[in-house]
């Protein structure tokens, strides 16, 4: 016997779904917050103080950009080069925002808060949901949870590192580039990504003897942008008119 229409239609974001979304958001927030511990300690090792480190986590609030900035500074690069690197890495968040605008439908001050919480984790939790209500709950729960625990982790890591007489003796300054590579590695899916990454790395290494510190990273980023544009043009040419 077929189900009646009222029985077959599941209410949006029912209680079990709501619990599932909140549970997943809490797991993501805890895991990301734990990673904030390393950022706090690494930032101190690169020469930032506790307040500067906390300002980065509270205002910039995007792990890849934060690690990118401190990696350039730790390598002896100029702060401007580090800032440009962080901006390039944060461009993807603007693209996330274009997709999330339709889902969140936030207005006024709520829109500003949503913009601050647009990160990889909150975007993934929103776009993976089956209905708009669950998507919005996933975004807000994950974004707010990660923001609180990321900043708490940063504070604990920074305070812990500040108690050390010389954090660099533990090799924490070298951990910044390593952490950045750890963030990059999961994105290298497919041969094209590996080719672009290899070419960008080769350009950066070859440029080291000839340009100021920090510039090789920017040249590598230019390689990535050019490769993306070339690939996009190639796909457009393949689409039949």
Foldseek 3Di string as FASTA:
>chain_A
DDDDPVVVDDPPCPPVLLVVLLVVLLVLQQVLLLVLLLLLLLLVLLPDALVVLLCCCQQVVEVLLSLQLLLLSLQVHDSVLSNVRSVLVCPVLVVLVVVCCVLQVDDDPRNVVLSRLRYPQLSVQQVPDDDSVSSNSNNVSNSVSNSVSSSVSSNNNNVVNVVDPRSCVVVSSVVSVVVSVVVCVVVQPDPLSVVLQVVLVVQLVVCVVPDDRSVSNVSSSVSVVVSVVVVVVVVVVPDDD
